[in-house]
């Protein structure tokens, strides 16, 4: 994500009234996971019983370079 949106352009806070599923702390954790994933990889959100339970980060490497 750091290549797509510069940190200076990111919104630093999320208004509580605009969120229906996540809280601001969870949004921040997802943002950090996207920052960690790098150029290749996935960030998965695991929902259990209607609640976000896990954030999985999968790193991938390009074998052709």
PDB file of N, CA and C in Angstrom:
ATOM      1  N   UNK A   1       0.823  -1.192   0.000  1.00  0.00           N
ATOM      2  CA  UNK A   1       0.000   0.000   0.000  1.00  0.00           C
ATOM      3  C   UNK A   1       0.860   1.245   0.000  1.00  0.00           C
ATOM      4  N   UNK A   2       2.030   1.181   0.554  1.00  0.00           N
ATOM      5  CA  UNK A   2       2.851   2.376   0.622  1.00  0.00           C
ATOM      6  C   UNK A   2       3.213   2.904  -0.754  1.00  0.00           C
ATOM      7  N   UNK A   3       3.185   2.069  -1.802  1.00  0.00           N
ATOM      8  CA  UNK A   3       3.430   2.556  -3.153  1.00  0.00           C
ATOM      9  C   UNK A   3       2.199   3.221  -3.744  1.00  0.00           C
ATOM     10  N   UNK A   4       1.033   2.828  -3.293  1.00  0.00           N
ATOM     11  CA  UNK A   4      -0.205   3.336  -3.874  1.00  0.00           C
ATOM     12  C   UNK A   4      -0.622   4.677  -3.297  1.00  0.00           C
ATOM     13  N   UNK A   5      -0.569   4.793  -2.000  1.00  0.00           N
ATOM     14  CA  UNK A   5      -1.006   6.023  -1.336  1.00  0.00           C
ATOM     15  C   UNK A   5       0.094   6.482  -0.391  1.00  0.00           C
ATOM     16  N   UNK A   6       0.674   7.651  -0.637  1.00  0.00           N
ATOM     17  CA  UNK A   6       1.709   8.127   0.286  1.00  0.00           C
ATOM     18  C   UNK A   6       1.145   8.354   1.679  1.00  0.00           C
ATOM     19  N   UNK A   7       1.968   8.081   2.684  1.00  0.00           N
ATOM     20  CA  UNK A   7       1.517   8.208   4.065  1.00  0.00           C
ATOM     21  C   UNK A   7       0.975   9.597   4.368  1.00  0.00           C
ATOM     22  N   UNK A   8       1.569  10.612   3.761  1.00  0.00           N
ATOM     23  CA  UNK A   8       1.111  11.979   4.012  1.00  0.00           C
ATOM     24  C   UNK A   8      -0.298  12.217   3.480  1.00  0.00           C
ATOM     25  N   UNK A   9      -0.728  11.410   2.507  1.00  0.00           N
ATOM     26  CA  UNK A   9      -2.051  11.601   1.918  1.00  0.00           C
ATOM     27  C   UNK A   9      -3.124  10.752   2.591  1.00  0.00           C
ATOM     28  N   UNK A  10      -2.713   9.841   3.463  1.00  0.00           N
ATOM     29  CA  UNK A  10      -3.692   8.980   4.128  1.00  0.00           C
ATOM     30  C   UNK A  10      -4.461   9.755   5.175  1.00  0.00           C
ATOM     31  N   UNK A  11      -5.713   9.366   5.337  1.00  0.00           N
ATOM     32  CA  UNK A  11      -6.527   9.966   6.391  1.00  0.00           C
ATOM     33  C   UNK A  11      -6.066   9.355   7.711  1.00  0.00           C
ATOM     34  N   UNK A  12      -5.716  10.185   8.661  1.00  0.00           N
ATOM     35  CA  UNK A  12      -5.155   9.692   9.919  1.00  0.00           C
ATOM     36  C   UNK A  12      -6.208   9.200  10.901  1.00  0.00           C
ATOM     37  N   UNK A  13      -7.407   9.723  10.844  1.00  0.00           N
ATOM     38  CA  UNK A  13      -8.440   9.267  11.767  1.00  0.00           C
ATOM     39  C   UNK A  13      -9.713   8.974  10.994  1.00  0.00           C
ATOM     40  N   UNK A  14     -10.472   8.040  11.528  1.00  0.00           N
ATOM     41  CA  UNK A  14     -11.733   7.648  10.906  1.00  0.00           C
ATOM     42  C   UNK A  14     -12.848   8.025  11.860  1.00  0.00           C
ATOM     43  N   UNK A  15     -13.822   8.809  11.402  1.00  0.00           N
ATOM     44  CA  UNK A  15     -14.922   9.181  12.300  1.00  0.00           C
ATOM     45  C   UNK A  15     -15.722   7.952  12.729  1.00  0.00           C
ATOM     46  N   UNK A  16     -16.026   7.858  14.010  1.00  0.00           N
ATOM     47  CA  UNK A  16     -16.776   6.714  14.540  1.00  0.00           C
ATOM     48  C   UNK A  16     -18.138   6.559  13.887  1.00  0.00           C
ATOM     49  N   UNK A  17     -18.794   7.660  13.559  1.00  0.00           N
ATOM     50  CA  UNK A  17     -20.151   7.568  13.024  1.00  0.00           C
ATOM     51  C   UNK A  17     -20.186   7.041  11.596  1.00  0.00           C
ATOM     52  N   UNK A  18     -19.035   6.962  10.913  1.00  0.00           N
ATOM     53  CA  UNK A  18     -19.026   6.444   9.549  1.00  0.00           C
ATOM     54  C   UNK A  18     -18.725   4.946   9.505  1.00  0.00           C
ATOM     55  N   UNK A  19     -18.443   4.341  10.645  1.00  0.00           N
ATOM     56  CA  UNK A  19     -18.116   2.921  10.699  1.00  0.00           C
ATOM     57  C   UNK A  19     -19.315   2.119  11.176  1.00  0.00           C
ATOM     58  N   UNK A  20     -19.583   0.997  10.486  1.00  0.00           N
ATOM     59  CA  UNK A  20     -20.688   0.143  10.915  1.00  0.00           C
ATOM     60  C   UNK A  20     -20.207  -1.223  11.401  1.00  0.00           C
ATOM     61  N   UNK A  21     -19.028  -1.663  10.940  1.00  0.00           N
ATOM     62  CA  UNK A  21     -18.546  -2.988  11.316  1.00  0.00           C
ATOM     63  C   UNK A  21     -17.258  -2.923  12.128  1.00  0.00           C
ATOM     64  N   UNK A  22     -16.344  -2.065  11.735  1.00  0.00           N
ATOM     65  CA  UNK A  22     -15.032  -1.971  12.380  1.00  0.00           C
ATOM     66  C   UNK A  22     -14.961  -0.768  13.302  1.00  0.00           C
ATOM     67  N   UNK A  23     -14.090  -0.847  14.297  1.00  0.00           N
ATOM     68  CA  UNK A  23     -13.834   0.329  15.124  1.00  0.00           C
ATOM     69  C   UNK A  23     -12.531   0.983  14.637  1.00  0.00           C
ATOM     70  N   UNK A  24     -12.245   2.197  15.039  1.00  0.00           N
ATOM     71  CA  UNK A  24     -11.044   2.887  14.542  1.00  0.00           C
ATOM     72  C   UNK A  24      -9.737   2.133  14.815  1.00  0.00           C
ATOM     73  N   UNK A  25      -9.650   1.415  15.930  1.00  0.00           N
ATOM     74  CA  UNK A  25      -8.438   0.654  16.228  1.00  0.00           C
ATOM     75  C   UNK A  25      -8.247  -0.482  15.226  1.00  0.00           C
ATOM     76  N   UNK A  26      -9.344  -1.130  14.846  1.00  0.00           N
ATOM     77  CA  UNK A  26      -9.254  -2.209  13.866  1.00  0.00           C
ATOM     78  C   UNK A  26      -8.864  -1.662  12.493  1.00  0.00           C
ATOM     79  N   UNK A  27      -9.399  -0.517  12.134  1.00  0.00           N
ATOM     80  CA  UNK A  27      -9.035   0.113  10.863  1.00  0.00           C
ATOM     81  C   UNK A  27      -7.541   0.412  10.850  1.00  0.00           C
ATOM     82  N   UNK A  28      -7.018   0.911  11.953  1.00  0.00           N
ATOM     83  CA  UNK A  28      -5.588   1.212  12.048  1.00  0.00           C
ATOM     84  C   UNK A  28      -4.751  -0.063  11.936  1.00  0.00           C
ATOM     85  N   UNK A  29      -5.200  -1.150  12.548  1.00  0.00           N
ATOM     86  CA  UNK A  29      -4.459  -2.416  12.468  1.00  0.00           C
ATOM     87  C   UNK A  29      -4.456  -2.965  11.051  1.00  0.00           C
ATOM     88  N   UNK A  30      -5.575  -2.835  10.355  1.00  0.00           N
ATOM     89  CA  UNK A  30      -5.645  -3.272   8.958  1.00  0.00           C
ATOM     90  C   UNK A  30      -4.709  -2.430   8.104  1.00  0.00           C
ATOM     91  N   UNK A  31      -4.668  -1.135   8.356  1.00  0.00           N
ATOM     92  CA  UNK A  31      -3.773  -0.245   7.617  1.00  0.00           C
ATOM     93  C   UNK A  31      -2.313  -0.643   7.840  1.00  0.00           C
ATOM     94  N   UNK A  32      -1.951  -0.981   9.073  1.00  0.00           N
ATOM     95  CA  UNK A  32      -0.575  -1.418   9.356  1.00  0.00           C
ATOM     96  C   UNK A  32      -0.267  -2.735   8.641  1.00  0.00           C
ATOM     97  N   UNK A  33      -1.255  -3.638   8.599  1.00  0.00           N
ATOM     98  CA  UNK A  33      -1.060  -4.914   7.900  1.00  0.00           C
ATOM     99  C   UNK A  33      -0.833  -4.677   6.409  1.00  0.00           C
ATOM    100  N   UNK A  34      -1.592  -3.765   5.818  1.00  0.00           N
ATOM    101  CA  UNK A  34      -1.406  -3.442   4.404  1.00  0.00           C
ATOM    102  C   UNK A  34      -0.039  -2.823   4.164  1.00  0.00           C
ATOM    103  N   UNK A  35       0.432  -2.054   5.107  1.00  0.00           N
ATOM    104  CA  UNK A  35       1.758  -1.450   4.988  1.00  0.00           C
ATOM    105  C   UNK A  35       2.851  -2.522   5.059  1.00  0.00           C
ATOM    106  N   UNK A  36       2.655  -3.550   5.895  1.00  0.00           N
ATOM    107  CA  UNK A  36       3.639  -4.618   6.074  1.00  0.00           C
ATOM    108  C   UNK A  36       3.688  -5.595   4.901  1.00  0.00           C
ATOM    109  N   UNK A  37       2.576  -5.766   4.209  1.00  0.00           N
ATOM    110  CA  UNK A  37       2.486  -6.826   3.203  1.00  0.00           C
ATOM    111  C   UNK A  37       3.464  -6.614   2.053  1.00  0.00           C
ATOM    112  N   UNK A  38       3.851  -5.396   1.814  1.00  0.00           N
ATOM    113  CA  UNK A  38       4.837  -5.122   0.773  1.00  0.00           C
ATOM    114  C   UNK A  38       4.241  -5.138  -0.617  1.00  0.00           C
ATOM    115  N   UNK A  39       5.113  -5.415  -1.592  1.00  0.00           N
ATOM    116  CA  UNK A  39       4.715  -5.318  -2.989  1.00  0.00           C
ATOM    117  C   UNK A  39       3.822  -6.476  -3.430  1.00  0.00           C
ATOM    118  N   UNK A  40       4.057  -7.654  -2.886  1.00  0.00           N
ATOM    119  CA  UNK A  40       3.269  -8.833  -3.232  1.00  0.00           C
ATOM    120  C   UNK A  40       2.744  -9.455  -1.949  1.00  0.00           C
ATOM    121  N   UNK A  41       1.508  -9.891  -1.964  1.00  0.00           N
ATOM    122  CA  UNK A  41       0.966 -10.577  -0.803  1.00  0.00           C
ATOM    123  C   UNK A  41      -0.511 -10.310  -0.634  1.00  0.00           C
ATOM    124  N   UNK A  42      -1.024 -10.785   0.478  1.00  0.00           N
ATOM    125  CA  UNK A  42      -2.449 -10.656   0.770  1.00  0.00           C
ATOM    126  C   UNK A  42      -2.651 -10.288   2.231  1.00  0.00           C
ATOM    127  N   UNK A  43      -3.705  -9.552   2.478  1.00  0.00           N
ATOM    128  CA  UNK A  43      -4.184  -9.310   3.834  1.00  0.00           C
ATOM    129  C   UNK A  43      -5.594  -9.875   3.879  1.00  0.00           C
ATOM    130  N   UNK A  44      -5.806 -10.826   4.771  1.00  0.00           N
ATOM    131  CA  UNK A  44      -7.125 -11.457   4.895  1.00  0.00           C
ATOM    132  C   UNK A  44      -7.738 -11.085   6.234  1.00  0.00           C
ATOM    133  N   UNK A  45      -9.014 -10.805   6.187  1.00  0.00           N
ATOM    134  CA  UNK A  45      -9.772 -10.520   7.404  1.00  0.00           C
ATOM    135  C   UNK A  45     -10.626 -11.741   7.704  1.00  0.00           C
ATOM    136  N   UNK A  46     -10.480 -12.286   8.898  1.00  0.00           N
ATOM    137  CA  UNK A  46     -11.231 -13.468   9.295  1.00  0.00           C
ATOM    138  C   UNK A  46     -12.317 -13.028  10.263  1.00  0.00           C
ATOM    139  N   UNK A  47     -13.551 -13.290   9.875  1.00  0.00           N
ATOM    140  CA  UNK A  47     -14.714 -12.910  10.674  1.00  0.00           C
ATOM    141  C   UNK A  47     -15.318 -14.178  11.275  1.00  0.00           C
ATOM    142  N   UNK A  48     -15.540 -14.170  12.581  1.00  0.00           N
ATOM    143  CA  UNK A  48     -16.153 -15.284  13.286  1.00  0.00           C
ATOM    144  C   UNK A  48     -17.337 -14.739  14.070  1.00  0.00           C
ATOM    145  N   UNK A  49     -18.493 -15.333  13.849  1.00  0.00           N
ATOM    146  CA  UNK A  49     -19.728 -14.926  14.529  1.00  0.00           C
ATOM    147  C   UNK A  49     -19.980 -13.427  14.393  1.00  0.00           C
ATOM    148  N   UNK A  50     -19.732 -12.896  13.192  1.00  0.00           N
ATOM    149  CA  UNK A  50     -20.027 -11.492  12.917  1.00  0.00           C
ATOM    150  C   UNK A  50     -19.023 -10.493  13.458  1.00  0.00           C
ATOM    151  N   UNK A  51     -17.891 -10.990  13.973  1.00  0.00           N
ATOM    152  CA  UNK A  51     -16.871 -10.087  14.525  1.00  0.00           C
ATOM    153  C   UNK A  51     -15.527 -10.367  13.869  1.00  0.00           C
ATOM    154  N   UNK A  52     -14.762  -9.313  13.641  1.00  0.00           N
ATOM    155  CA  UNK A  52     -13.408  -9.478  13.130  1.00  0.00           C
ATOM    156  C   UNK A  52     -12.567 -10.144  14.213  1.00  0.00           C
ATOM    157  N   UNK A  53     -12.014 -11.316  13.885  1.00  0.00           N
ATOM    158  CA  UNK A  53     -11.232 -12.059  14.878  1.00  0.00           C
ATOM    159  C   UNK A  53      -9.746 -12.068  14.569  1.00  0.00           C
ATOM    160  N   UNK A  54      -9.390 -12.141  13.278  1.00  0.00           N
ATOM    161  CA  UNK A  54      -7.986 -12.262  12.913  1.00  0.00           C
ATOM    162  C   UNK A  54      -7.682 -11.434  11.675  1.00  0.00           C
ATOM    163  N   UNK A  55      -6.451 -10.969  11.603  1.00  0.00           N
ATOM    164  CA  UNK A  55      -5.914 -10.349  10.398  1.00  0.00           C
ATOM    165  C   UNK A  55      -4.722 -11.205   9.998  1.00  0.00           C
ATOM    166  N   UNK A  56      -4.805 -11.818   8.822  1.00  0.00           N
ATOM    167  CA  UNK A  56      -3.724 -12.670   8.340  1.00  0.00           C
ATOM    168  C   UNK A  56      -2.939 -11.924   7.269  1.00  0.00           C
ATOM    169  N   UNK A  57      -1.617 -11.995   7.365  1.00  0.00           N
ATOM    170  CA  UNK A  57      -0.747 -11.360   6.380  1.00  0.00           C
ATOM    171  C   UNK A  57       0.047 -12.455   5.682  1.00  0.00           C
ATOM    172  N   UNK A  58      -0.080 -12.527   4.350  1.00  0.00           N
ATOM    173  CA  UNK A  58       0.677 -13.489   3.569  1.00  0.00           C
ATOM    174  C   UNK A  58       1.650 -12.730   2.670  1.00  0.00           C
ATOM    175  N   UNK A  59       2.935 -13.026   2.818  1.00  0.00           N
ATOM    176  CA  UNK A  59       3.966 -12.415   1.982  1.00  0.00           C
ATOM    177  C   UNK A  59       4.238 -13.335   0.800  1.00  0.00           C
ATOM    178  N   UNK A  60       4.424 -12.758  -0.362  1.00  0.00           N
ATOM    179  CA  UNK A  60       4.765 -13.518  -1.559  1.00  0.00           C
ATOM    180  C   UNK A  60       6.027 -12.935  -2.173  1.00  0.00           C
ATOM    181  N   UNK A  61       6.756 -13.782  -2.883  1.00  0.00           N
ATOM    182  CA  UNK A  61       7.961 -13.343  -3.570  1.00  0.00           C
ATOM    183  C   UNK A  61       7.831 -13.648  -5.051  1.00  0.00           C
ATOM    184  N   UNK A  62       8.302 -12.749  -5.884  1.00  0.00           N
ATOM    185  CA  UNK A  62       8.302 -12.932  -7.325  1.00  0.00           C
ATOM    186  C   UNK A  62       9.485 -13.821  -7.688  1.00  0.00           C
ATOM    187  N   UNK A  63       9.230 -15.009  -8.227  1.00  0.00           N
ATOM    188  CA  UNK A  63      10.310 -15.939  -8.549  1.00  0.00           C
ATOM    189  C   UNK A  63      10.987 -15.608  -9.877  1.00  0.00           C
ATOM    190  N   UNK A  64      10.420 -14.698 -10.647  1.00  0.00           N
ATOM    191  CA  UNK A  64      10.987 -14.351 -11.945  1.00  0.00           C
ATOM    192  C   UNK A  64      11.998 -13.220 -11.870  1.00  0.00           C
ATOM    193  N   UNK A  65      12.191 -12.640 -10.714  1.00  0.00           N
ATOM    194  CA  UNK A  65      13.156 -11.533 -10.647  1.00  0.00           C
ATOM    195  C   UNK A  65      14.398 -11.915  -9.883  1.00  0.00           C
TER     196      UNK A  65
END
